[in-house]
N, C-alpha and C. Protein backbone atom coordinates (compact mmCIF):
# COMPACT_ATOMS: atom_id res chain seq x y z
N MET A 1 19.63 -21.63 -11.12
CA MET A 1 18.20 -21.61 -11.38
C MET A 1 17.90 -20.35 -12.18
N ASN A 2 17.20 -20.53 -13.27
CA ASN A 2 16.83 -19.40 -14.10
C ASN A 2 15.31 -19.38 -14.22
N LYS A 3 14.70 -18.55 -13.41
CA LYS A 3 13.24 -18.49 -13.39
C LYS A 3 12.78 -17.15 -13.94
N SER A 4 11.61 -17.16 -14.52
CA SER A 4 11.01 -15.91 -14.99
C SER A 4 10.48 -15.13 -13.80
N GLN A 5 10.15 -13.88 -14.06
CA GLN A 5 9.62 -13.01 -13.00
C GLN A 5 8.37 -13.61 -12.37
N SER A 6 7.45 -14.10 -13.18
CA SER A 6 6.20 -14.64 -12.63
C SER A 6 6.45 -15.91 -11.82
N GLU A 7 7.42 -16.72 -12.24
CA GLU A 7 7.74 -17.93 -11.48
C GLU A 7 8.36 -17.58 -10.13
N LEU A 8 9.22 -16.57 -10.13
CA LEU A 8 9.84 -16.15 -8.87
C LEU A 8 8.81 -15.55 -7.92
N ILE A 9 7.92 -14.74 -8.45
CA ILE A 9 6.87 -14.16 -7.61
C ILE A 9 5.98 -15.26 -7.05
N ALA A 10 5.64 -16.24 -7.86
CA ALA A 10 4.81 -17.36 -7.40
C ALA A 10 5.54 -18.17 -6.32
N ALA A 11 6.83 -18.42 -6.51
CA ALA A 11 7.60 -19.17 -5.51
C ALA A 11 7.71 -18.38 -4.21
N LEU A 12 7.94 -17.08 -4.32
CA LEU A 12 8.01 -16.24 -3.14
C LEU A 12 6.66 -16.18 -2.43
N ALA A 13 5.58 -16.03 -3.18
CA ALA A 13 4.24 -15.98 -2.61
C ALA A 13 3.93 -17.29 -1.86
N ALA A 14 4.33 -18.41 -2.42
CA ALA A 14 4.08 -19.70 -1.77
C ALA A 14 4.79 -19.79 -0.43
N GLU A 15 6.03 -19.31 -0.37
CA GLU A 15 6.77 -19.31 0.89
C GLU A 15 6.15 -18.33 1.89
N ILE A 16 5.79 -17.15 1.41
CA ILE A 16 5.17 -16.14 2.27
C ILE A 16 3.87 -16.69 2.86
N ALA A 17 3.08 -17.38 2.04
CA ALA A 17 1.79 -17.91 2.47
C ALA A 17 1.92 -18.81 3.69
N GLU A 18 3.02 -19.54 3.77
CA GLU A 18 3.20 -20.51 4.85
C GLU A 18 3.98 -19.98 6.05
N VAL A 19 4.75 -18.90 5.85
CA VAL A 19 5.68 -18.46 6.89
C VAL A 19 5.25 -17.16 7.57
N VAL A 20 4.72 -16.23 6.81
CA VAL A 20 4.46 -14.89 7.33
C VAL A 20 3.00 -14.78 7.78
N TYR A 21 2.82 -14.19 8.96
CA TYR A 21 1.48 -14.05 9.52
C TYR A 21 1.30 -12.67 10.13
N MET A 22 0.05 -12.30 10.27
CA MET A 22 -0.34 -11.11 11.01
C MET A 22 -0.76 -11.57 12.40
N ASP A 23 -0.43 -10.79 13.39
CA ASP A 23 -0.81 -11.11 14.76
C ASP A 23 -1.89 -10.13 15.19
N VAL A 24 -3.10 -10.65 15.37
CA VAL A 24 -4.24 -9.83 15.78
C VAL A 24 -4.80 -10.46 17.05
N ALA A 25 -4.65 -9.77 18.16
CA ALA A 25 -5.13 -10.26 19.46
C ALA A 25 -4.63 -11.68 19.74
N LYS A 26 -3.32 -11.89 19.48
CA LYS A 26 -2.65 -13.18 19.68
C LYS A 26 -3.17 -14.28 18.76
N TRP A 27 -3.85 -13.88 17.71
CA TRP A 27 -4.35 -14.82 16.70
C TRP A 27 -3.49 -14.65 15.47
N HIS A 28 -2.92 -15.73 14.94
CA HIS A 28 -2.05 -15.67 13.79
C HIS A 28 -2.84 -15.93 12.51
N LEU A 29 -2.90 -14.93 11.68
CA LEU A 29 -3.55 -15.06 10.37
C LEU A 29 -2.45 -15.04 9.32
N TYR A 30 -2.21 -16.20 8.71
CA TYR A 30 -1.16 -16.31 7.70
C TYR A 30 -1.57 -15.55 6.45
N LEU A 31 -0.57 -14.95 5.81
CA LEU A 31 -0.86 -14.09 4.66
C LEU A 31 -1.48 -14.87 3.50
N GLY A 32 -1.22 -16.15 3.41
CA GLY A 32 -1.89 -16.96 2.39
C GLY A 32 -3.38 -17.04 2.64
N ASP A 33 -3.77 -17.19 3.89
CA ASP A 33 -5.19 -17.25 4.24
C ASP A 33 -5.86 -15.90 4.06
N ALA A 34 -5.09 -14.82 4.25
CA ALA A 34 -5.63 -13.47 4.09
C ALA A 34 -5.56 -12.98 2.64
N LYS A 35 -5.05 -13.84 1.76
CA LYS A 35 -4.92 -13.51 0.32
C LYS A 35 -4.01 -12.30 0.11
N LEU A 36 -2.97 -12.19 0.93
CA LEU A 36 -2.01 -11.10 0.81
C LEU A 36 -0.62 -11.58 0.40
N ASP A 37 -0.47 -12.88 0.21
CA ASP A 37 0.84 -13.44 -0.12
C ASP A 37 1.38 -12.93 -1.46
N THR A 38 0.55 -12.91 -2.48
CA THR A 38 1.00 -12.46 -3.80
C THR A 38 1.24 -10.96 -3.81
N THR A 39 0.40 -10.21 -3.12
CA THR A 39 0.59 -8.76 -3.04
C THR A 39 1.95 -8.44 -2.43
N LEU A 40 2.30 -9.11 -1.34
CA LEU A 40 3.58 -8.88 -0.70
C LEU A 40 4.73 -9.38 -1.58
N ALA A 41 4.55 -10.53 -2.20
CA ALA A 41 5.59 -11.06 -3.08
C ALA A 41 5.90 -10.10 -4.22
N GLU A 42 4.87 -9.49 -4.80
CA GLU A 42 5.08 -8.53 -5.88
C GLU A 42 5.86 -7.31 -5.37
N GLY A 43 5.58 -6.89 -4.15
CA GLY A 43 6.30 -5.76 -3.57
C GLY A 43 7.74 -6.09 -3.20
N LEU A 44 8.00 -7.35 -2.87
CA LEU A 44 9.34 -7.77 -2.47
C LEU A 44 10.20 -8.23 -3.63
N TYR A 45 9.60 -8.51 -4.77
CA TYR A 45 10.34 -9.02 -5.92
C TYR A 45 11.55 -8.15 -6.27
N PRO A 46 11.41 -6.83 -6.36
CA PRO A 46 12.59 -6.01 -6.70
C PRO A 46 13.71 -6.14 -5.66
N LEU A 47 13.35 -6.30 -4.39
CA LEU A 47 14.36 -6.49 -3.35
C LEU A 47 15.07 -7.82 -3.52
N LEU A 48 14.32 -8.85 -3.87
CA LEU A 48 14.89 -10.17 -4.07
C LEU A 48 15.91 -10.14 -5.20
N ILE A 49 15.55 -9.54 -6.31
CA ILE A 49 16.43 -9.47 -7.47
C ILE A 49 17.68 -8.64 -7.15
N ALA A 50 17.50 -7.55 -6.42
CA ALA A 50 18.62 -6.66 -6.08
C ALA A 50 19.48 -7.21 -4.95
N GLY A 51 19.00 -8.25 -4.27
CA GLY A 51 19.75 -8.80 -3.15
C GLY A 51 19.72 -7.90 -1.93
N ARG A 52 18.66 -7.12 -1.80
CA ARG A 52 18.52 -6.17 -0.68
C ARG A 52 17.26 -6.53 0.12
N TRP A 53 17.43 -7.33 1.14
CA TRP A 53 16.28 -7.72 1.94
C TRP A 53 16.57 -7.51 3.43
N GLY A 54 17.24 -6.41 3.71
CA GLY A 54 17.52 -6.06 5.10
C GLY A 54 16.25 -5.65 5.83
N GLU A 55 16.40 -5.44 7.11
CA GLU A 55 15.25 -5.09 7.95
C GLU A 55 14.54 -3.83 7.44
N ASP A 56 15.31 -2.81 7.08
CA ASP A 56 14.70 -1.55 6.62
C ASP A 56 13.93 -1.74 5.33
N GLU A 57 14.48 -2.50 4.40
CA GLU A 57 13.81 -2.72 3.12
C GLU A 57 12.54 -3.53 3.27
N VAL A 58 12.60 -4.57 4.08
CA VAL A 58 11.41 -5.40 4.31
C VAL A 58 10.34 -4.60 5.03
N SER A 59 10.74 -3.82 6.02
CA SER A 59 9.78 -2.98 6.74
C SER A 59 9.11 -1.98 5.80
N ALA A 60 9.89 -1.39 4.91
CA ALA A 60 9.32 -0.43 3.95
C ALA A 60 8.32 -1.11 3.03
N ALA A 61 8.63 -2.33 2.59
CA ALA A 61 7.70 -3.06 1.72
C ALA A 61 6.40 -3.37 2.47
N LEU A 62 6.51 -3.73 3.73
CA LEU A 62 5.32 -4.02 4.54
C LEU A 62 4.50 -2.75 4.80
N ARG A 63 5.19 -1.63 4.99
CA ARG A 63 4.48 -0.35 5.21
C ARG A 63 3.76 0.13 3.96
N ALA A 64 4.17 -0.34 2.82
CA ALA A 64 3.56 0.09 1.55
C ALA A 64 2.23 -0.60 1.27
N ILE A 65 1.86 -1.57 2.09
CA ILE A 65 0.63 -2.33 1.85
C ILE A 65 -0.40 -1.95 2.91
N PRO A 66 -1.44 -1.20 2.51
CA PRO A 66 -2.48 -0.80 3.46
C PRO A 66 -3.46 -1.94 3.72
N ILE A 67 -3.91 -2.05 4.96
CA ILE A 67 -4.88 -3.07 5.36
C ILE A 67 -6.07 -2.35 5.99
N SER A 68 -7.26 -2.57 5.43
CA SER A 68 -8.47 -1.98 5.98
C SER A 68 -9.03 -2.87 7.07
N LEU A 69 -9.44 -2.27 8.16
CA LEU A 69 -10.02 -3.00 9.29
C LEU A 69 -11.42 -2.47 9.57
N GLY A 70 -12.23 -3.31 10.13
CA GLY A 70 -13.57 -2.89 10.53
C GLY A 70 -14.41 -2.42 9.35
N GLY A 71 -14.31 -3.15 8.24
CA GLY A 71 -15.10 -2.77 7.07
C GLY A 71 -14.67 -1.44 6.48
N GLY A 72 -13.39 -1.11 6.66
CA GLY A 72 -12.87 0.13 6.11
C GLY A 72 -12.93 1.31 7.06
N ARG A 73 -13.36 1.06 8.29
CA ARG A 73 -13.47 2.15 9.27
C ARG A 73 -12.12 2.70 9.68
N CYS A 74 -11.08 1.86 9.59
CA CYS A 74 -9.73 2.35 9.84
C CYS A 74 -8.76 1.57 8.96
N GLN A 75 -7.56 2.11 8.85
CA GLN A 75 -6.57 1.49 7.99
C GLN A 75 -5.21 1.51 8.69
N VAL A 76 -4.52 0.39 8.61
CA VAL A 76 -3.16 0.26 9.12
C VAL A 76 -2.31 -0.32 8.00
N THR A 77 -1.01 -0.36 8.22
CA THR A 77 -0.16 -0.99 7.22
C THR A 77 0.12 -2.43 7.63
N LEU A 78 0.54 -3.22 6.69
CA LEU A 78 0.90 -4.60 6.99
C LEU A 78 2.04 -4.64 8.01
N ALA A 79 2.91 -3.65 7.99
CA ALA A 79 4.00 -3.58 8.97
C ALA A 79 3.47 -3.48 10.40
N ASP A 80 2.31 -2.87 10.57
CA ASP A 80 1.71 -2.75 11.90
C ASP A 80 1.20 -4.09 12.43
N LEU A 81 0.97 -5.03 11.55
CA LEU A 81 0.35 -6.29 11.93
C LEU A 81 1.29 -7.49 11.93
N VAL A 82 2.39 -7.40 11.19
CA VAL A 82 3.33 -8.52 11.11
C VAL A 82 4.38 -8.34 12.21
N PRO A 83 4.46 -9.29 13.16
CA PRO A 83 5.42 -9.16 14.26
C PRO A 83 6.87 -9.29 13.79
N THR A 84 7.77 -8.85 14.63
CA THR A 84 9.20 -8.85 14.32
C THR A 84 9.69 -10.23 13.93
N ARG A 85 9.26 -11.25 14.64
CA ARG A 85 9.72 -12.63 14.35
C ARG A 85 9.31 -13.04 12.93
N ALA A 86 8.10 -12.73 12.54
CA ALA A 86 7.64 -13.08 11.20
C ALA A 86 8.40 -12.27 10.14
N GLN A 87 8.77 -11.04 10.46
CA GLN A 87 9.56 -10.24 9.53
C GLN A 87 10.95 -10.85 9.36
N SER A 88 11.53 -11.35 10.45
CA SER A 88 12.83 -12.03 10.37
C SER A 88 12.72 -13.30 9.53
N ASP A 89 11.64 -14.05 9.73
CA ASP A 89 11.42 -15.25 8.92
C ASP A 89 11.30 -14.89 7.44
N LEU A 90 10.66 -13.78 7.16
CA LEU A 90 10.52 -13.32 5.78
C LEU A 90 11.88 -12.99 5.18
N GLN A 91 12.75 -12.36 5.96
CA GLN A 91 14.09 -12.07 5.48
C GLN A 91 14.84 -13.36 5.16
N GLU A 92 14.67 -14.38 5.98
CA GLU A 92 15.30 -15.67 5.73
C GLU A 92 14.80 -16.29 4.44
N VAL A 93 13.49 -16.20 4.19
CA VAL A 93 12.90 -16.72 2.95
C VAL A 93 13.51 -16.01 1.76
N LEU A 94 13.63 -14.69 1.85
CA LEU A 94 14.22 -13.93 0.75
C LEU A 94 15.66 -14.35 0.50
N GLY A 95 16.42 -14.56 1.57
CA GLY A 95 17.80 -15.00 1.43
C GLY A 95 17.90 -16.37 0.77
N GLN A 96 17.05 -17.28 1.17
CA GLN A 96 17.06 -18.63 0.59
C GLN A 96 16.72 -18.59 -0.89
N LEU A 97 15.70 -17.84 -1.25
CA LEU A 97 15.32 -17.74 -2.66
C LEU A 97 16.40 -17.06 -3.48
N HIS A 98 17.02 -16.03 -2.92
CA HIS A 98 18.08 -15.32 -3.64
C HIS A 98 19.25 -16.26 -3.93
N ARG A 99 19.60 -17.11 -2.99
CA ARG A 99 20.70 -18.06 -3.19
C ARG A 99 20.37 -19.06 -4.29
N GLN A 100 19.10 -19.30 -4.55
CA GLN A 100 18.70 -20.25 -5.59
C GLN A 100 18.70 -19.63 -6.99
N LEU A 101 18.82 -18.31 -7.05
CA LEU A 101 18.81 -17.65 -8.37
C LEU A 101 20.05 -17.97 -9.16
């Protein structure tokens, strides 16, 4: 498969939208619904191309995305909101897409 950068980011964003969620008070908000799927896909694209999607790399990418809560009264990172299971699912998505390259 030979895809352009924008096609790969779009494919990754589509997978993220359906698989990765934030857990807030036991409520799952999928990143597609939160409009964060493309932002995360853009941050993960270099990892996908490099074939480096280990736990540390994915966690660092999630920590790089700030999320404002309470109308901006406080800020956390996406890593603070995405549970371990969803991070593992994200690593699987990255592995599957990398194999298709």
